[in-house]
Amino acid sequence: MENSTKSLGQGARSTWTGLLMSAIQVAVIGFVVLQAKEWFDAGTFDTPATALDAGLIAGATFLLNAILKLTKA
């Protein structure tokens, strides 16, 4: 029963595809949150800078999870 609900759990991050999907989820959530922050703070969207920030956060998340995966193996 537990194995069927690994979408966001540790089991989903045990494969490289899972790591990539996790990083994509972080990028999308980060982009939406940062866009909302820009709208609240400045009253306009700053899409290029927000996309870059979300990409950097997702890349760092992927790198950290990859290092953890390699050291755990």
PDB file of N, CA and C in Angstrom:
ATOM      1  N   MET A   1       0.810  -1.188   0.000  1.00  0.00           N
ATOM      2  CA  MET A   1       0.000   0.000   0.000  1.00  0.00           C
ATOM      3  C   MET A   1       0.856   1.255   0.000  1.00  0.00           C
ATOM      4  N   GLU A   2       1.964   1.255   0.735  1.00  0.00           N
ATOM      5  CA  GLU A   2       2.827   2.432   0.789  1.00  0.00           C
ATOM      6  C   GLU A   2       3.524   2.689  -0.541  1.00  0.00           C
ATOM      7  N   ASN A   3       3.864   1.646  -1.281  1.00  0.00           N
ATOM      8  CA  ASN A   3       4.612   1.808  -2.520  1.00  0.00           C
ATOM      9  C   ASN A   3       3.818   2.524  -3.599  1.00  0.00           C
ATOM     10  N   SER A   4       2.498   2.528  -3.515  1.00  0.00           N
ATOM     11  CA  SER A   4       1.696   3.172  -4.545  1.00  0.00           C
ATOM     12  C   SER A   4       1.619   4.689  -4.369  1.00  0.00           C
ATOM     13  N   THR A   5       2.086   5.221  -3.261  1.00  0.00           N
ATOM     14  CA  THR A   5       2.005   6.667  -3.017  1.00  0.00           C
ATOM     15  C   THR A   5       3.390   7.273  -2.845  1.00  0.00           C
ATOM     16  N   LYS A   6       4.258   7.048  -3.818  1.00  0.00           N
ATOM     17  CA  LYS A   6       5.627   7.557  -3.739  1.00  0.00           C
ATOM     18  C   LYS A   6       5.839   8.804  -4.590  1.00  0.00           C
ATOM     19  N   SER A   7       4.798   9.509  -4.974  1.00  0.00           N
ATOM     20  CA  SER A   7       4.966  10.618  -5.900  1.00  0.00           C
ATOM     21  C   SER A   7       5.865  11.719  -5.348  1.00  0.00           C
ATOM     22  N   LEU A   8       5.744  12.053  -4.086  1.00  0.00           N
ATOM     23  CA  LEU A   8       6.581  13.097  -3.512  1.00  0.00           C
ATOM     24  C   LEU A   8       7.477  12.574  -2.403  1.00  0.00           C
ATOM     25  N   GLY A   9       7.423  11.298  -2.133  1.00  0.00           N
ATOM     26  CA  GLY A   9       8.210  10.733  -1.044  1.00  0.00           C
ATOM     27  C   GLY A   9       9.617  10.389  -1.465  1.00  0.00           C
ATOM     28  N   GLN A  10      10.351   9.760  -0.578  1.00  0.00           N
ATOM     29  CA  GLN A  10      11.744   9.410  -0.830  1.00  0.00           C
ATOM     30  C   GLN A  10      11.872   8.404  -1.968  1.00  0.00           C
ATOM     31  N   GLY A  11      10.886   7.529  -2.136  1.00  0.00           N
ATOM     32  CA  GLY A  11      10.950   6.523  -3.190  1.00  0.00           C
ATOM     33  C   GLY A  11      10.975   7.123  -4.578  1.00  0.00           C
ATOM     34  N   ALA A  12      10.297   8.233  -4.771  1.00  0.00           N
ATOM     35  CA  ALA A  12      10.269   8.879  -6.078  1.00  0.00           C
ATOM     36  C   ALA A  12      11.625   9.478  -6.424  1.00  0.00           C
ATOM     37  N   ARG A  13      12.430   9.793  -5.424  1.00  0.00           N
ATOM     38  CA  ARG A  13      13.733  10.398  -5.674  1.00  0.00           C
ATOM     39  C   ARG A  13      14.845   9.363  -5.758  1.00  0.00           C
ATOM     40  N   SER A  14      14.500   8.086  -5.778  1.00  0.00           N
ATOM     41  CA  SER A  14      15.537   7.063  -5.813  1.00  0.00           C
ATOM     42  C   SER A  14      16.065   6.831  -7.220  1.00  0.00           C
ATOM     43  N   THR A  15      15.369   7.304  -8.249  1.00  0.00           N
ATOM     44  CA  THR A  15      15.835   7.166  -9.623  1.00  0.00           C
ATOM     45  C   THR A  15      16.219   8.541 -10.162  1.00  0.00           C
ATOM     46  N   TRP A  16      16.991   8.539 -11.241  1.00  0.00           N
ATOM     47  CA  TRP A  16      17.394   9.812 -11.843  1.00  0.00           C
ATOM     48  C   TRP A  16      16.190  10.537 -12.429  1.00  0.00           C
ATOM     49  N   THR A  17      15.243   9.783 -12.965  1.00  0.00           N
ATOM     50  CA  THR A  17      14.024  10.406 -13.476  1.00  0.00           C
ATOM     51  C   THR A  17      13.249  11.055 -12.342  1.00  0.00           C
ATOM     52  N   GLY A  18      13.210  10.393 -11.202  1.00  0.00           N
ATOM     53  CA  GLY A  18      12.545  10.961 -10.031  1.00  0.00           C
ATOM     54  C   GLY A  18      13.217  12.236  -9.561  1.00  0.00           C
ATOM     55  N   LEU A  19      14.553  12.245  -9.604  1.00  0.00           N
ATOM     56  CA  LEU A  19      15.282  13.461  -9.225  1.00  0.00           C
ATOM     57  C   LEU A  19      14.959  14.612 -10.174  1.00  0.00           C
ATOM     58  N   LEU A  20      14.905  14.301 -11.463  1.00  0.00           N
ATOM     59  CA  LEU A  20      14.600  15.328 -12.457  1.00  0.00           C
ATOM     60  C   LEU A  20      13.176  15.852 -12.286  1.00  0.00           C
ATOM     61  N   MET A  21      12.235  14.951 -12.065  1.00  0.00           N
ATOM     62  CA  MET A  21      10.848  15.369 -11.871  1.00  0.00           C
ATOM     63  C   MET A  21      10.696  16.218 -10.608  1.00  0.00           C
ATOM     64  N   SER A  22      11.423  15.859  -9.573  1.00  0.00           N
ATOM     65  CA  SER A  22      11.396  16.645  -8.340  1.00  0.00           C
ATOM     66  C   SER A  22      11.934  18.050  -8.592  1.00  0.00           C
ATOM     67  N   ALA A  23      13.009  18.157  -9.361  1.00  0.00           N
ATOM     68  CA  ALA A  23      13.580  19.473  -9.682  1.00  0.00           C
ATOM     69  C   ALA A  23      12.615  20.298 -10.533  1.00  0.00           C
ATOM     70  N   ILE A  24      11.914  19.645 -11.448  1.00  0.00           N
ATOM     71  CA  ILE A  24      10.931  20.357 -12.271  1.00  0.00           C
ATOM     72  C   ILE A  24       9.785  20.867 -11.403  1.00  0.00           C
ATOM     73  N   GLN A  25       9.347  20.048 -10.451  1.00  0.00           N
ATOM     74  CA  GLN A  25       8.296  20.491  -9.529  1.00  0.00           C
ATOM     75  C   GLN A  25       8.759  21.706  -8.730  1.00  0.00           C
ATOM     76  N   VAL A  26       9.996  21.674  -8.270  1.00  0.00           N
ATOM     77  CA  VAL A  26      10.545  22.809  -7.518  1.00  0.00           C
ATOM     78  C   VAL A  26      10.585  24.053  -8.401  1.00  0.00           C
ATOM     79  N   ALA A  27      10.975  23.888  -9.668  1.00  0.00           N
ATOM     80  CA  ALA A  27      11.048  25.029 -10.581  1.00  0.00           C
ATOM     81  C   ALA A  27       9.674  25.648 -10.803  1.00  0.00           C
ATOM     82  N   VAL A  28       8.675  24.820 -11.021  1.00  0.00           N
ATOM     83  CA  VAL A  28       7.329  25.337 -11.282  1.00  0.00           C
ATOM     84  C   VAL A  28       6.767  26.036 -10.045  1.00  0.00           C
ATOM     85  N   ILE A  29       6.897  25.395  -8.895  1.00  0.00           N
ATOM     86  CA  ILE A  29       6.386  26.000  -7.659  1.00  0.00           C
ATOM     87  C   ILE A  29       7.148  27.284  -7.338  1.00  0.00           C
ATOM     88  N   GLY A  30       8.468  27.254  -7.496  1.00  0.00           N
ATOM     89  CA  GLY A  30       9.272  28.449  -7.255  1.00  0.00           C
ATOM     90  C   GLY A  30       8.898  29.584  -8.188  1.00  0.00           C
ATOM     91  N   PHE A  31       8.660  29.270  -9.455  1.00  0.00           N
ATOM     92  CA  PHE A  31       8.281  30.289 -10.426  1.00  0.00           C
ATOM     93  C   PHE A  31       6.963  30.951 -10.039  1.00  0.00           C
ATOM     94  N   VAL A  32       5.980  30.136  -9.678  1.00  0.00           N
ATOM     95  CA  VAL A  32       4.667  30.681  -9.312  1.00  0.00           C
ATOM     96  C   VAL A  32       4.767  31.546  -8.056  1.00  0.00           C
ATOM     97  N   VAL A  33       5.491  31.059  -7.062  1.00  0.00           N
ATOM     98  CA  VAL A  33       5.622  31.818  -5.814  1.00  0.00           C
ATOM     99  C   VAL A  33       6.382  33.124  -6.051  1.00  0.00           C
ATOM    100  N   LEU A  34       7.452  33.072  -6.822  1.00  0.00           N
ATOM    101  CA  LEU A  34       8.223  34.289  -7.086  1.00  0.00           C
ATOM    102  C   LEU A  34       7.439  35.285  -7.941  1.00  0.00           C
ATOM    103  N   GLN A  35       6.634  34.786  -8.880  1.00  0.00           N
ATOM    104  CA  GLN A  35       5.791  35.690  -9.666  1.00  0.00           C
ATOM    105  C   GLN A  35       4.767  36.380  -8.770  1.00  0.00           C
ATOM    106  N   ALA A  36       4.183  35.620  -7.844  1.00  0.00           N
ATOM    107  CA  ALA A  36       3.221  36.218  -6.915  1.00  0.00           C
ATOM    108  C   ALA A  36       3.902  37.273  -6.048  1.00  0.00           C
ATOM    109  N   LYS A  37       5.131  36.998  -5.625  1.00  0.00           N
ATOM    110  CA  LYS A  37       5.883  37.973  -4.825  1.00  0.00           C
ATOM    111  C   LYS A  37       6.149  39.245  -5.635  1.00  0.00           C
ATOM    112  N   GLU A  38       6.550  39.086  -6.892  1.00  0.00           N
ATOM    113  CA  GLU A  38       6.794  40.253  -7.748  1.00  0.00           C
ATOM    114  C   GLU A  38       5.515  41.068  -7.928  1.00  0.00           C
ATOM    115  N   TRP A  39       4.409  40.382  -8.138  1.00  0.00           N
ATOM    116  CA  TRP A  39       3.143  41.086  -8.320  1.00  0.00           C
ATOM    117  C   TRP A  39       2.768  41.855  -7.058  1.00  0.00           C
ATOM    118  N   PHE A  40       2.972  41.223  -5.901  1.00  0.00           N
ATOM    119  CA  PHE A  40       2.630  41.861  -4.629  1.00  0.00           C
ATOM    120  C   PHE A  40       3.565  43.035  -4.336  1.00  0.00           C
ATOM    121  N   ASP A  41       4.866  42.852  -4.567  1.00  0.00           N
ATOM    122  CA  ASP A  41       5.846  43.892  -4.233  1.00  0.00           C
ATOM    123  C   ASP A  41       5.866  45.037  -5.239  1.00  0.00           C
ATOM    124  N   ALA A  42       5.920  44.714  -6.529  1.00  0.00           N
ATOM    125  CA  ALA A  42       6.131  45.742  -7.549  1.00  0.00           C
ATOM    126  C   ALA A  42       4.883  46.062  -8.369  1.00  0.00           C
ATOM    127  N   GLY A  43       3.895  45.195  -8.314  1.00  0.00           N
ATOM    128  CA  GLY A  43       2.691  45.435  -9.099  1.00  0.00           C
ATOM    129  C   GLY A  43       2.789  44.963 -10.536  1.00  0.00           C
ATOM    130  N   THR A  44       3.931  44.404 -10.918  1.00  0.00           N
ATOM    131  CA  THR A  44       4.106  43.854 -12.262  1.00  0.00           C
ATOM    132  C   THR A  44       4.865  42.534 -12.158  1.00  0.00           C
ATOM    133  N   PHE A  45       4.831  41.794 -13.254  1.00  0.00           N
ATOM    134  CA  PHE A  45       5.583  40.546 -13.309  1.00  0.00           C
ATOM    135  C   PHE A  45       6.965  40.804 -13.897  1.00  0.00           C
ATOM    136  N   ASP A  46       7.949  40.071 -13.427  1.00  0.00           N
ATOM    137  CA  ASP A  46       9.304  40.115 -13.972  1.00  0.00           C
ATOM    138  C   ASP A  46       9.648  38.692 -14.408  1.00  0.00           C
ATOM    139  N   THR A  47       9.039  38.268 -15.508  1.00  0.00           N
ATOM    140  CA  THR A  47       9.100  36.871 -15.918  1.00  0.00           C
ATOM    141  C   THR A  47      10.512  36.379 -16.211  1.00  0.00           C
ATOM    142  N   PRO A  48      11.359  37.089 -16.964  1.00  0.00           N
ATOM    143  CA  PRO A  48      12.701  36.548 -17.230  1.00  0.00           C
ATOM    144  C   PRO A  48      13.533  36.339 -15.967  1.00  0.00           C
ATOM    145  N   ALA A  49      13.535  37.315 -15.086  1.00  0.00           N
ATOM    146  CA  ALA A  49      14.322  37.179 -13.858  1.00  0.00           C
ATOM    147  C   ALA A  49      13.743  36.104 -12.950  1.00  0.00           C
ATOM    148  N   THR A  50      12.422  36.017 -12.892  1.00  0.00           N
ATOM    149  CA  THR A  50      11.781  34.997 -12.066  1.00  0.00           C
ATOM    150  C   THR A  50      12.066  33.609 -12.610  1.00  0.00           C
ATOM    151  N   ALA A  51      12.034  33.451 -13.927  1.00  0.00           N
ATOM    152  CA  ALA A  51      12.345  32.154 -14.530  1.00  0.00           C
ATOM    153  C   ALA A  51      13.790  31.762 -14.248  1.00  0.00           C
ATOM    154  N   LEU A  52      14.696  32.717 -14.317  1.00  0.00           N
ATOM    155  CA  LEU A  52      16.097  32.438 -14.010  1.00  0.00           C
ATOM    156  C   LEU A  52      16.261  32.027 -12.552  1.00  0.00           C
ATOM    157  N   ASP A  53      15.632  32.747 -11.652  1.00  0.00           N
ATOM    158  CA  ASP A  53      15.709  32.405 -10.226  1.00  0.00           C
ATOM    159  C   ASP A  53      15.140  31.018  -9.956  1.00  0.00           C
ATOM    160  N   ALA A  54      13.987  30.708 -10.545  1.00  0.00           N
ATOM    161  CA  ALA A  54      13.375  29.393 -10.348  1.00  0.00           C
ATOM    162  C   ALA A  54      14.260  28.296 -10.929  1.00  0.00           C
ATOM    163  N   GLY A  55      14.888  28.562 -12.063  1.00  0.00           N
ATOM    164  CA  GLY A  55      15.802  27.585 -12.656  1.00  0.00           C
ATOM    165  C   GLY A  55      17.031  27.344 -11.799  1.00  0.00           C
ATOM    166  N   LEU A  56      17.573  28.407 -11.225  1.00  0.00           N
ATOM    167  CA  LEU A  56      18.728  28.253 -10.338  1.00  0.00           C
ATOM    168  C   LEU A  56      18.373  27.463  -9.082  1.00  0.00           C
ATOM    169  N   ILE A  57      17.207  27.737  -8.525  1.00  0.00           N
ATOM    170  CA  ILE A  57      16.763  26.996  -7.343  1.00  0.00           C
ATOM    171  C   ILE A  57      16.565  25.525  -7.687  1.00  0.00           C
ATOM    172  N   ALA A  58      15.930  25.250  -8.816  1.00  0.00           N
ATOM    173  CA  ALA A  58      15.705  23.864  -9.229  1.00  0.00           C
ATOM    174  C   ALA A  58      17.022  23.157  -9.525  1.00  0.00           C
ATOM    175  N   GLY A  59      17.952  23.854 -10.163  1.00  0.00           N
ATOM    176  CA  GLY A  59      19.258  23.256 -10.441  1.00  0.00           C
ATOM    177  C   GLY A  59      20.016  22.919  -9.174  1.00  0.00           C
ATOM    178  N   ALA A  60      19.971  23.815  -8.213  1.00  0.00           N
ATOM    179  CA  ALA A  60      20.634  23.548  -6.936  1.00  0.00           C
ATOM    180  C   ALA A  60      19.967  22.396  -6.199  1.00  0.00           C
ATOM    181  N   THR A  61      18.652  22.319  -6.274  1.00  0.00           N
ATOM    182  CA  THR A  61      17.925  21.210  -5.646  1.00  0.00           C
ATOM    183  C   THR A  61      18.299  19.890  -6.299  1.00  0.00           C
ATOM    184  N   PHE A  62      18.361  19.875  -7.638  1.00  0.00           N
ATOM    185  CA  PHE A  62      18.750  18.656  -8.350  1.00  0.00           C
ATOM    186  C   PHE A  62      20.170  18.248  -7.973  1.00  0.00           C
ATOM    187  N   LEU A  63      21.081  19.216  -7.937  1.00  0.00           N
ATOM    188  CA  LEU A  63      22.472  18.922  -7.600  1.00  0.00           C
ATOM    189  C   LEU A  63      22.597  18.354  -6.189  1.00  0.00           C
ATOM    190  N   LEU A  64      21.919  18.965  -5.241  1.00  0.00           N
ATOM    191  CA  LEU A  64      21.956  18.478  -3.865  1.00  0.00           C
ATOM    192  C   LEU A  64      21.388  17.064  -3.760  1.00  0.00           C
ATOM    193  N   ASN A  65      20.239  16.824  -4.389  1.00  0.00           N
ATOM    194  CA  ASN A  65      19.645  15.487  -4.342  1.00  0.00           C
ATOM    195  C   ASN A  65      20.515  14.460  -5.064  1.00  0.00           C
ATOM    196  N   ALA A  66      21.183  14.862  -6.149  1.00  0.00           N
ATOM    197  CA  ALA A  66      22.075  13.944  -6.857  1.00  0.00           C
ATOM    198  C   ALA A  66      23.276  13.579  -5.991  1.00  0.00           C
ATOM    199  N   ILE A  67      23.837  14.557  -5.305  1.00  0.00           N
ATOM    200  CA  ILE A  67      24.965  14.280  -4.403  1.00  0.00           C
ATOM    201  C   ILE A  67      24.528  13.341  -3.287  1.00  0.00           C
ATOM    202  N   LEU A  68      23.361  13.599  -2.724  1.00  0.00           N
ATOM    203  CA  LEU A  68      22.854  12.718  -1.672  1.00  0.00           C
ATOM    204  C   LEU A  68      22.611  11.310  -2.197  1.00  0.00           C
ATOM    205  N   LYS A  69      22.108  11.200  -3.429  1.00  0.00           N
ATOM    206  CA  LYS A  69      21.869   9.881  -4.035  1.00  0.00           C
ATOM    207  C   LYS A  69      23.183   9.144  -4.250  1.00  0.00           C
ATOM    208  N   LEU A  70      24.196   9.835  -4.737  1.00  0.00           N
ATOM    209  CA  LEU A  70      25.478   9.186  -5.019  1.00  0.00           C
ATOM    210  C   LEU A  70      26.216   8.795  -3.745  1.00  0.00           C
ATOM    211  N   THR A  71      26.104   9.595  -2.708  1.00  0.00           N
ATOM    212  CA  THR A  71      26.801   9.262  -1.463  1.00  0.00           C
ATOM    213  C   THR A  71      26.075   8.182  -0.680  1.00  0.00           C
ATOM    214  N   LYS A  72      24.777   8.057  -0.897  1.00  0.00           N
ATOM    215  CA  LYS A  72      24.008   7.029  -0.200  1.00  0.00           C
ATOM    216  C   LYS A  72      24.241   5.658  -0.824  1.00  0.00           C
ATOM    217  N   ALA A  73      24.535   5.618  -2.111  1.00  0.00           N
ATOM    218  CA  ALA A  73      24.693   4.336  -2.823  1.00  0.00           C
ATOM    219  C   ALA A  73      25.998   3.647  -2.503  1.00  0.00           C
TER     220      ALA A  73
END
